[in-house]
Amino acid sequence: MKNIIFTLISMLFSSLLISQTVVNMSNSHEVNWDRKNGQNYLKDVNQFMDDYEGTWKYVNGTTEFRITLNKVEMYHVQDSDYNIDYYTDGLLVSYQKLENDNVVFQSFLDQQPHGIIKEFGKLSLTFKDYERTYINEVLNVSRNAGHKALLQLIENESGSYQLHFKLFTEKTYLGTLYEPVMSGNPYHSTPTDIIMTKME
C-alpha cells in the first residue's frame, strides 16, 4: 500500500514538473508568458542574483547602514484579486542602521522575494522602508513606503564587487501621501545613493 501511495505521489509531482514552463528572467521581455495560469516559472537561469547574496555595508563616520539579501528560488506568487499565479526567483531584503556600532533600527525580513535582473550586475527591486509610511487615500490605510531601487555591482581592482545602492526619490504609488509630510522631510529614512562593501 505504501508503494502505491508513493508511486501516485511521484507521478503527480512528475506531471507538475513536466507541465511547468521555465521563463528565463534575463530575456522575459522578449517572451509572451502568462502570469495567471500557475504553470510558469520566472527563473534566474543565468544565476545573476547569486553575487548579490550576503550582507553589504556603508559607513559614514559613526553611522553604518547594512542591507542583507538572500536568494529564494521558485517562490509561488499568488493574488486572487488580480488573478496572478506564477513562480519566480527573487531576493529577500532586510536592513539595519547602526550608530557607534549599536543597532538603532532593524527592519523586518520581507516575506516575499523581490527583484528582476536582465543582465549581470544590474538588479531592480522594490525596497520597503519600514521607518516611513504612507496613507493610501483610496483605501484609507497606512502602509510602509515601498520604493524602486537599483542595485548595481561595480568590480574593483581586486576583482571583487562593490554595490551601488540607489533609491528613487519620487513617490511610487498612485493616490498616496507620505507621512509625516513636512517641508524638507525626505521620502526615505535610509541612504538613497551609496556605494557599499560586502561583509565577510
Foldseek 3Di string as FASTA:
>chain_A
DVVVVVVVVVVVVVVLVVQAAEDDLLVNVVDDDDQQPQRYEHEVVVPLCVLVAAKWWDDDPQKMKIKGWDKDGFCWDDDVVVNGTYTYIAIWMWMFIGGNNHTPDTGDTDPDGWWGDNDHFKIKTKDWAPVKWKAQQVVRDIDTAIWIWIWGWDQDPVRRTKIWIATDQDRDDPRMGIPPDDVPDGRHPDDGTDIIDGDD
